[in-house]
Amino acid sequence: MTETLEYDATGLLCPLPVLRANRKLRELGDGGLLTVRATDPAAEQDFPSYCRQTGHELVSTRREGDVLVFVIRKRGS
C-alpha cells in the first residue's frame, strides 16, 4: 500500500507552499504520495520546477476553483 499524506498550503505565498511541501515529503517513504492544495498562483510554476530539480515525480496537477491541487510521488533513494 502506498503511503500518502496531504498538505493544505492554501493562503500561503511563495516560497512557503514548496518549502512546507518539501518538509512533508521528508515524512514519506520512497514512492509515497503527497497531495498539496495551494492558492498561490506562482505554485503553478513552482511545483513543476521543484519536482524537476529534486527528482520527485509530479503525478498530476488540477484546479478545483481557485485551488491548485498537486500530487507528488517521492523519488526513491
PDB file of N, CA and C in Angstrom:
ATOM      1  N   MET A   1       0.846  -1.196   0.000  1.00  0.00           N
ATOM      2  CA  MET A   1       0.000   0.000   0.000  1.00  0.00           C
ATOM      3  C   MET A   1       0.886   1.254   0.000  1.00  0.00           C
ATOM      4  N   THR A   2       0.562   2.186  -0.873  1.00  0.00           N
ATOM      5  CA  THR A   2       1.336   3.414  -0.988  1.00  0.00           C
ATOM      6  C   THR A   2       1.004   4.357   0.164  1.00  0.00           C
ATOM      7  N   GLU A   3       2.057   4.849   0.808  1.00  0.00           N
ATOM      8  CA  GLU A   3       1.891   5.816   1.889  1.00  0.00           C
ATOM      9  C   GLU A   3       1.463   7.154   1.282  1.00  0.00           C
ATOM     10  N   THR A   4       0.478   7.808   1.897  1.00  0.00           N
ATOM     11  CA  THR A   4       0.002   9.092   1.374  1.00  0.00           C
ATOM     12  C   THR A   4      -0.128  10.116   2.497  1.00  0.00           C
ATOM     13  N   LEU A   5       0.154  11.365   2.154  1.00  0.00           N
ATOM     14  CA  LEU A   5      -0.030  12.490   3.061  1.00  0.00           C
ATOM     15  C   LEU A   5      -0.707  13.602   2.289  1.00  0.00           C
ATOM     16  N   GLU A   6      -1.362  14.492   3.012  1.00  0.00           N
ATOM     17  CA  GLU A   6      -1.946  15.683   2.395  1.00  0.00           C
ATOM     18  C   GLU A   6      -1.423  16.897   3.130  1.00  0.00           C
ATOM     19  N   TYR A   7      -1.247  17.994   2.377  1.00  0.00           N
ATOM     20  CA  TYR A   7      -0.833  19.247   2.998  1.00  0.00           C
ATOM     21  C   TYR A   7      -1.659  20.382   2.413  1.00  0.00           C
ATOM     22  N   ASP A   8      -2.258  21.160   3.278  1.00  0.00           N
ATOM     23  CA  ASP A   8      -3.080  22.300   2.854  1.00  0.00           C
ATOM     24  C   ASP A   8      -2.230  23.568   2.945  1.00  0.00           C
ATOM     25  N   ALA A   9      -1.797  24.060   1.788  1.00  0.00           N
ATOM     26  CA  ALA A   9      -0.978  25.278   1.731  1.00  0.00           C
ATOM     27  C   ALA A   9      -1.801  26.467   1.247  1.00  0.00           C
ATOM     28  N   THR A  10      -3.131  26.339   1.296  1.00  0.00           N
ATOM     29  CA  THR A  10      -3.967  27.454   0.838  1.00  0.00           C
ATOM     30  C   THR A  10      -3.719  28.668   1.729  1.00  0.00           C
ATOM     31  N   GLY A  11      -3.644  29.822   1.087  1.00  0.00           N
ATOM     32  CA  GLY A  11      -3.407  31.065   1.810  1.00  0.00           C
ATOM     33  C   GLY A  11      -1.934  31.409   1.983  1.00  0.00           C
ATOM     34  N   LEU A  12      -1.044  30.458   1.730  1.00  0.00           N
ATOM     35  CA  LEU A  12       0.395  30.726   1.845  1.00  0.00           C
ATOM     36  C   LEU A  12       0.927  31.254   0.523  1.00  0.00           C
ATOM     37  N   LEU A  13       1.919  32.139   0.599  1.00  0.00           N
ATOM     38  CA  LEU A  13       2.520  32.704  -0.605  1.00  0.00           C
ATOM     39  C   LEU A  13       3.916  32.150  -0.817  1.00  0.00           C
ATOM     40  N   CYS A  14       4.360  32.203  -2.071  1.00  0.00           N
ATOM     41  CA  CYS A  14       5.683  31.749  -2.475  1.00  0.00           C
ATOM     42  C   CYS A  14       6.753  32.344  -1.551  1.00  0.00           C
ATOM     43  N   PRO A  15       7.695  31.567  -1.089  1.00  0.00           N
ATOM     44  CA  PRO A  15       8.008  30.174  -1.430  1.00  0.00           C
ATOM     45  C   PRO A  15       7.441  29.171  -0.429  1.00  0.00           C
ATOM     46  N   LEU A  16       6.559  29.603   0.484  1.00  0.00           N
ATOM     47  CA  LEU A  16       6.106  28.719   1.560  1.00  0.00           C
ATOM     48  C   LEU A  16       5.422  27.429   1.104  1.00  0.00           C
ATOM     49  N   PRO A  17       4.546  27.442   0.086  1.00  0.00           N
ATOM     50  CA  PRO A  17       3.932  26.157  -0.291  1.00  0.00           C
ATOM     51  C   PRO A  17       4.960  25.081  -0.644  1.00  0.00           C
ATOM     52  N   VAL A  18       5.984  25.449  -1.415  1.00  0.00           N
ATOM     53  CA  VAL A  18       7.001  24.469  -1.810  1.00  0.00           C
ATOM     54  C   VAL A  18       7.876  24.078  -0.611  1.00  0.00           C
ATOM     55  N   LEU A  19       8.257  25.057   0.204  1.00  0.00           N
ATOM     56  CA  LEU A  19       9.096  24.744   1.362  1.00  0.00           C
ATOM     57  C   LEU A  19       8.383  23.809   2.334  1.00  0.00           C
ATOM     58  N   ARG A  20       7.117  24.067   2.586  1.00  0.00           N
ATOM     59  CA  ARG A  20       6.367  23.215   3.522  1.00  0.00           C
ATOM     60  C   ARG A  20       6.100  21.839   2.905  1.00  0.00           C
ATOM     61  N   ALA A  21       5.856  21.802   1.595  1.00  0.00           N
ATOM     62  CA  ALA A  21       5.666  20.509   0.921  1.00  0.00           C
ATOM     63  C   ALA A  21       6.949  19.683   1.004  1.00  0.00           C
ATOM     64  N   ASN A  22       8.084  20.336   0.841  1.00  0.00           N
ATOM     65  CA  ASN A  22       9.370  19.650   0.943  1.00  0.00           C
ATOM     66  C   ASN A  22       9.524  19.010   2.324  1.00  0.00           C
ATOM     67  N   ARG A  23       9.136  19.736   3.358  1.00  0.00           N
ATOM     68  CA  ARG A  23       9.210  19.217   4.726  1.00  0.00           C
ATOM     69  C   ARG A  23       8.292  17.998   4.889  1.00  0.00           C
ATOM     70  N   LYS A  24       7.091  18.066   4.317  1.00  0.00           N
ATOM     71  CA  LYS A  24       6.149  16.945   4.410  1.00  0.00           C
ATOM     72  C   LYS A  24       6.670  15.721   3.656  1.00  0.00           C
ATOM     73  N   LEU A  25       7.315  15.946   2.508  1.00  0.00           N
ATOM     74  CA  LEU A  25       7.846  14.820   1.734  1.00  0.00           C
ATOM     75  C   LEU A  25       8.875  14.034   2.538  1.00  0.00           C
ATOM     76  N   ARG A  26       9.609  14.697   3.413  1.00  0.00           N
ATOM     77  CA  ARG A  26      10.605  14.011   4.242  1.00  0.00           C
ATOM     78  C   ARG A  26       9.963  12.993   5.174  1.00  0.00           C
ATOM     79  N   GLU A  27       8.675  13.175   5.473  1.00  0.00           N
ATOM     80  CA  GLU A  27       7.965  12.247   6.356  1.00  0.00           C
ATOM     81  C   GLU A  27       7.549  10.965   5.627  1.00  0.00           C
ATOM     82  N   LEU A  28       7.586  10.990   4.293  1.00  0.00           N
ATOM     83  CA  LEU A  28       7.142   9.855   3.489  1.00  0.00           C
ATOM     84  C   LEU A  28       8.302   8.931   3.153  1.00  0.00           C
ATOM     85  N   GLY A  29       7.977   7.650   2.986  1.00  0.00           N
ATOM     86  CA  GLY A  29       8.957   6.705   2.463  1.00  0.00           C
ATOM     87  C   GLY A  29       9.055   6.857   0.955  1.00  0.00           C
ATOM     88  N   ASP A  30      10.082   6.252   0.363  1.00  0.00           N
ATOM     89  CA  ASP A  30      10.260   6.291  -1.090  1.00  0.00           C
ATOM     90  C   ASP A  30       8.992   5.809  -1.792  1.00  0.00           C
ATOM     91  N   GLY A  31       8.555   6.551  -2.810  1.00  0.00           N
ATOM     92  CA  GLY A  31       7.365   6.188  -3.574  1.00  0.00           C
ATOM     93  C   GLY A  31       6.071   6.682  -2.957  1.00  0.00           C
ATOM     94  N   GLY A  32       6.145   7.306  -1.781  1.00  0.00           N
ATOM     95  CA  GLY A  32       4.948   7.835  -1.131  1.00  0.00           C
ATOM     96  C   GLY A  32       4.372   9.009  -1.907  1.00  0.00           C
ATOM     97  N   LEU A  33       3.100   9.264  -1.701  1.00  0.00           N
ATOM     98  CA  LEU A  33       2.407  10.337  -2.415  1.00  0.00           C
ATOM     99  C   LEU A  33       2.027  11.467  -1.472  1.00  0.00           C
ATOM    100  N   LEU A  34       2.285  12.690  -1.917  1.00  0.00           N
ATOM    101  CA  LEU A  34       1.886  13.886  -1.179  1.00  0.00           C
ATOM    102  C   LEU A  34       0.932  14.687  -2.052  1.00  0.00           C
ATOM    103  N   THR A  35      -0.238  14.996  -1.517  1.00  0.00           N
ATOM    104  CA  THR A  35      -1.192  15.856  -2.206  1.00  0.00           C
ATOM    105  C   THR A  35      -1.120  17.231  -1.548  1.00  0.00           C
ATOM    106  N   VAL A  36      -0.859  18.250  -2.347  1.00  0.00           N
ATOM    107  CA  VAL A  36      -0.733  19.618  -1.849  1.00  0.00           C
ATOM    108  C   VAL A  36      -1.825  20.474  -2.477  1.00  0.00           C
ATOM    109  N   ARG A  37      -2.511  21.232  -1.641  1.00  0.00           N
ATOM    110  CA  ARG A  37      -3.522  22.183  -2.107  1.00  0.00           C
ATOM    111  C   ARG A  37      -2.968  23.583  -1.881  1.00  0.00           C
ATOM    112  N   ALA A  38      -2.948  24.408  -2.922  1.00  0.00           N
ATOM    113  CA  ALA A  38      -2.366  25.754  -2.828  1.00  0.00           C
ATOM    114  C   ALA A  38      -3.227  26.753  -3.596  1.00  0.00           C
ATOM    115  N   THR A  39      -3.204  28.000  -3.111  1.00  0.00           N
ATOM    116  CA  THR A  39      -3.949  29.059  -3.792  1.00  0.00           C
ATOM    117  C   THR A  39      -3.014  30.108  -4.403  1.00  0.00           C
ATOM    118  N   ASP A  40      -1.722  30.031  -4.115  1.00  0.00           N
ATOM    119  CA  ASP A  40      -0.760  30.985  -4.668  1.00  0.00           C
ATOM    120  C   ASP A  40      -0.610  30.724  -6.167  1.00  0.00           C
ATOM    121  N   PRO A  41      -0.911  31.712  -7.024  1.00  0.00           N
ATOM    122  CA  PRO A  41      -0.787  31.491  -8.472  1.00  0.00           C
ATOM    123  C   PRO A  41       0.612  31.048  -8.890  1.00  0.00           C
ATOM    124  N   ALA A  42       1.635  31.476  -8.168  1.00  0.00           N
ATOM    125  CA  ALA A  42       3.009  31.091  -8.517  1.00  0.00           C
ATOM    126  C   ALA A  42       3.247  29.595  -8.348  1.00  0.00           C
ATOM    127  N   ALA A  43       2.419  28.934  -7.549  1.00  0.00           N
ATOM    128  CA  ALA A  43       2.596  27.492  -7.326  1.00  0.00           C
ATOM    129  C   ALA A  43       2.486  26.710  -8.623  1.00  0.00           C
ATOM    130  N   GLU A  44       1.754  27.245  -9.578  1.00  0.00           N
ATOM    131  CA  GLU A  44       1.578  26.554 -10.866  1.00  0.00           C
ATOM    132  C   GLU A  44       2.916  26.334 -11.573  1.00  0.00           C
ATOM    133  N   GLN A  45       3.859  27.269 -11.408  1.00  0.00           N
ATOM    134  CA  GLN A  45       5.200  27.098 -11.965  1.00  0.00           C
ATOM    135  C   GLN A  45       6.164  26.510 -10.931  1.00  0.00           C
ATOM    136  N   ASP A  46       5.956  26.848  -9.662  1.00  0.00           N
ATOM    137  CA  ASP A  46       6.899  26.438  -8.618  1.00  0.00           C
ATOM    138  C   ASP A  46       6.964  24.926  -8.426  1.00  0.00           C
ATOM    139  N   PHE A  47       5.830  24.244  -8.390  1.00  0.00           N
ATOM    140  CA  PHE A  47       5.853  22.807  -8.122  1.00  0.00           C
ATOM    141  C   PHE A  47       6.469  21.993  -9.261  1.00  0.00           C
ATOM    142  N   PRO A  48       6.149  22.272 -10.539  1.00  0.00           N
ATOM    143  CA  PRO A  48       6.859  21.548 -11.600  1.00  0.00           C
ATOM    144  C   PRO A  48       8.378  21.791 -11.561  1.00  0.00           C
ATOM    145  N   SER A  49       8.791  23.026 -11.291  1.00  0.00           N
ATOM    146  CA  SER A  49      10.231  23.328 -11.193  1.00  0.00           C
ATOM    147  C   SER A  49      10.861  22.586 -10.026  1.00  0.00           C
ATOM    148  N   TYR A  50      10.195  22.607  -8.890  1.00  0.00           N
ATOM    149  CA  TYR A  50      10.693  21.904  -7.700  1.00  0.00           C
ATOM    150  C   TYR A  50      10.884  20.415  -7.996  1.00  0.00           C
ATOM    151  N   CYS A  51       9.902  19.808  -8.648  1.00  0.00           N
ATOM    152  CA  CYS A  51       9.997  18.374  -8.950  1.00  0.00           C
ATOM    153  C   CYS A  51      11.131  18.080  -9.930  1.00  0.00           C
ATOM    154  N   ARG A  52      11.308  18.933 -10.939  1.00  0.00           N
ATOM    155  CA  ARG A  52      12.425  18.731 -11.876  1.00  0.00           C
ATOM    156  C   ARG A  52      13.760  18.812 -11.148  1.00  0.00           C
ATOM    157  N   GLN A  53      13.895  19.757 -10.235  1.00  0.00           N
ATOM    158  CA  GLN A  53      15.158  19.974  -9.535  1.00  0.00           C
ATOM    159  C   GLN A  53      15.459  18.885  -8.513  1.00  0.00           C
ATOM    160  N   THR A  54      14.432  18.289  -7.909  1.00  0.00           N
ATOM    161  CA  THR A  54      14.644  17.330  -6.827  1.00  0.00           C
ATOM    162  C   THR A  54      14.520  15.876  -7.268  1.00  0.00           C
ATOM    163  N   GLY A  55      13.960  15.647  -8.448  1.00  0.00           N
ATOM    164  CA  GLY A  55      13.788  14.275  -8.919  1.00  0.00           C
ATOM    165  C   GLY A  55      12.486  13.622  -8.473  1.00  0.00           C
ATOM    166  N   HIS A  56      11.654  14.355  -7.717  1.00  0.00           N
ATOM    167  CA  HIS A  56      10.342  13.820  -7.364  1.00  0.00           C
ATOM    168  C   HIS A  56       9.454  13.873  -8.610  1.00  0.00           C
ATOM    169  N   GLU A  57       8.439  13.007  -8.654  1.00  0.00           N
ATOM    170  CA  GLU A  57       7.554  12.950  -9.816  1.00  0.00           C
ATOM    171  C   GLU A  57       6.285  13.752  -9.549  1.00  0.00           C
ATOM    172  N   LEU A  58       5.990  14.694 -10.435  1.00  0.00           N
ATOM    173  CA  LEU A  58       4.716  15.420 -10.366  1.00  0.00           C
ATOM    174  C   LEU A  58       3.690  14.540 -11.076  1.00  0.00           C
ATOM    175  N   VAL A  59       2.905  13.817 -10.292  1.00  0.00           N
ATOM    176  CA  VAL A  59       1.968  12.833 -10.830  1.00  0.00           C
ATOM    177  C   VAL A  59       0.801  13.519 -11.527  1.00  0.00           C
ATOM    178  N   SER A  60       0.270  14.575 -10.881  1.00  0.00           N
ATOM    179  CA  SER A  60      -0.853  15.277 -11.501  1.00  0.00           C
ATOM    180  C   SER A  60      -0.983  16.689 -10.943  1.00  0.00           C
ATOM    181  N   THR A  61      -1.611  17.518 -11.748  1.00  0.00           N
ATOM    182  CA  THR A  61      -1.938  18.886 -11.365  1.00  0.00           C
ATOM    183  C   THR A  61      -3.368  19.121 -11.814  1.00  0.00           C
ATOM    184  N   ARG A  62      -4.176  19.661 -10.931  1.00  0.00           N
ATOM    185  CA  ARG A  62      -5.544  20.002 -11.346  1.00  0.00           C
ATOM    186  C   ARG A  62      -5.986  21.252 -10.592  1.00  0.00           C
ATOM    187  N   ARG A  63      -7.057  21.836 -11.073  1.00  0.00           N
ATOM    188  CA  ARG A  63      -7.601  23.043 -10.450  1.00  0.00           C
ATOM    189  C   ARG A  63      -9.008  22.721  -9.951  1.00  0.00           C
ATOM    190  N   GLU A  64      -9.257  23.110  -8.704  1.00  0.00           N
ATOM    191  CA  GLU A  64     -10.600  22.992  -8.129  1.00  0.00           C
ATOM    192  C   GLU A  64     -11.017  24.402  -7.735  1.00  0.00           C
ATOM    193  N   GLY A  65     -11.642  25.113  -8.649  1.00  0.00           N
ATOM    194  CA  GLY A  65     -11.980  26.516  -8.416  1.00  0.00           C
ATOM    195  C   GLY A  65     -10.689  27.322  -8.334  1.00  0.00           C
ATOM    196  N   ASP A  66     -10.469  28.001  -7.213  1.00  0.00           N
ATOM    197  CA  ASP A  66      -9.261  28.812  -7.033  1.00  0.00           C
ATOM    198  C   ASP A  66      -8.099  28.011  -6.457  1.00  0.00           C
ATOM    199  N   VAL A  67      -8.312  26.734  -6.185  1.00  0.00           N
ATOM    200  CA  VAL A  67      -7.292  25.907  -5.532  1.00  0.00           C
ATOM    201  C   VAL A  67      -6.588  25.023  -6.555  1.00  0.00           C
ATOM    202  N   LEU A  68      -5.262  25.059  -6.520  1.00  0.00           N
ATOM    203  CA  LEU A  68      -4.444  24.162  -7.331  1.00  0.00           C
ATOM    204  C   LEU A  68      -4.129  22.933  -6.487  1.00  0.00           C
ATOM    205  N   VAL A  69      -4.262  21.758  -7.088  1.00  0.00           N
ATOM    206  CA  VAL A  69      -4.004  20.511  -6.369  1.00  0.00           C
ATOM    207  C   VAL A  69      -2.885  19.766  -7.100  1.00  0.00           C
ATOM    208  N   PHE A  70      -1.805  19.508  -6.364  1.00  0.00           N
ATOM    209  CA  PHE A  70      -0.641  18.822  -6.923  1.00  0.00           C
ATOM    210  C   PHE A  70      -0.477  17.487  -6.205  1.00  0.00           C
ATOM    211  N   VAL A  71      -0.202  16.435  -6.969  1.00  0.00           N
ATOM    212  CA  VAL A  71       0.128  15.140  -6.380  1.00  0.00           C
ATOM    213  C   VAL A  71       1.568  14.836  -6.765  1.00  0.00           C
ATOM    214  N   ILE A  72       2.399  14.623  -5.737  1.00  0.00           N
ATOM    215  CA  ILE A  72       3.839  14.419  -5.931  1.00  0.00           C
ATOM    216  C   ILE A  72       4.223  13.057  -5.368  1.00  0.00           C
ATOM    217  N   ARG A  73       4.976  12.270  -6.178  1.00  0.00           N
ATOM    218  CA  ARG A  73       5.495  10.988  -5.713  1.00  0.00           C
ATOM    219  C   ARG A  73       6.963  11.185  -5.296  1.00  0.00           C
ATOM    220  N   LYS A  74       7.266  10.808  -4.067  1.00  0.00           N
ATOM    221  CA  LYS A  74       8.631  10.949  -3.562  1.00  0.00           C
ATOM    222  C   LYS A  74       9.557   9.986  -4.297  1.00  0.00           C
ATOM    223  N   ARG A  75      10.673  10.528  -4.751  1.00  0.00           N
ATOM    224  CA  ARG A  75      11.616   9.699  -5.502  1.00  0.00           C
ATOM    225  C   ARG A  75      12.265   8.680  -4.578  1.00  0.00           C
ATOM    226  N   GLY A  76      12.687   7.588  -5.180  1.00  0.00           N
ATOM    227  CA  GLY A  76      13.411   6.567  -4.430  1.00  0.00           C
ATOM    228  C   GLY A  76      14.846   7.015  -4.208  1.00  0.00           C
ATOM    229  N   SER A  77      15.487   6.446  -3.177  1.00  0.00           N
ATOM    230  CA  SER A  77      16.858   6.874  -2.883  1.00  0.00           C
ATOM    231  C   SER A  77      17.870   6.201  -3.792  1.00  0.00           C
TER     232      SER A  77
END
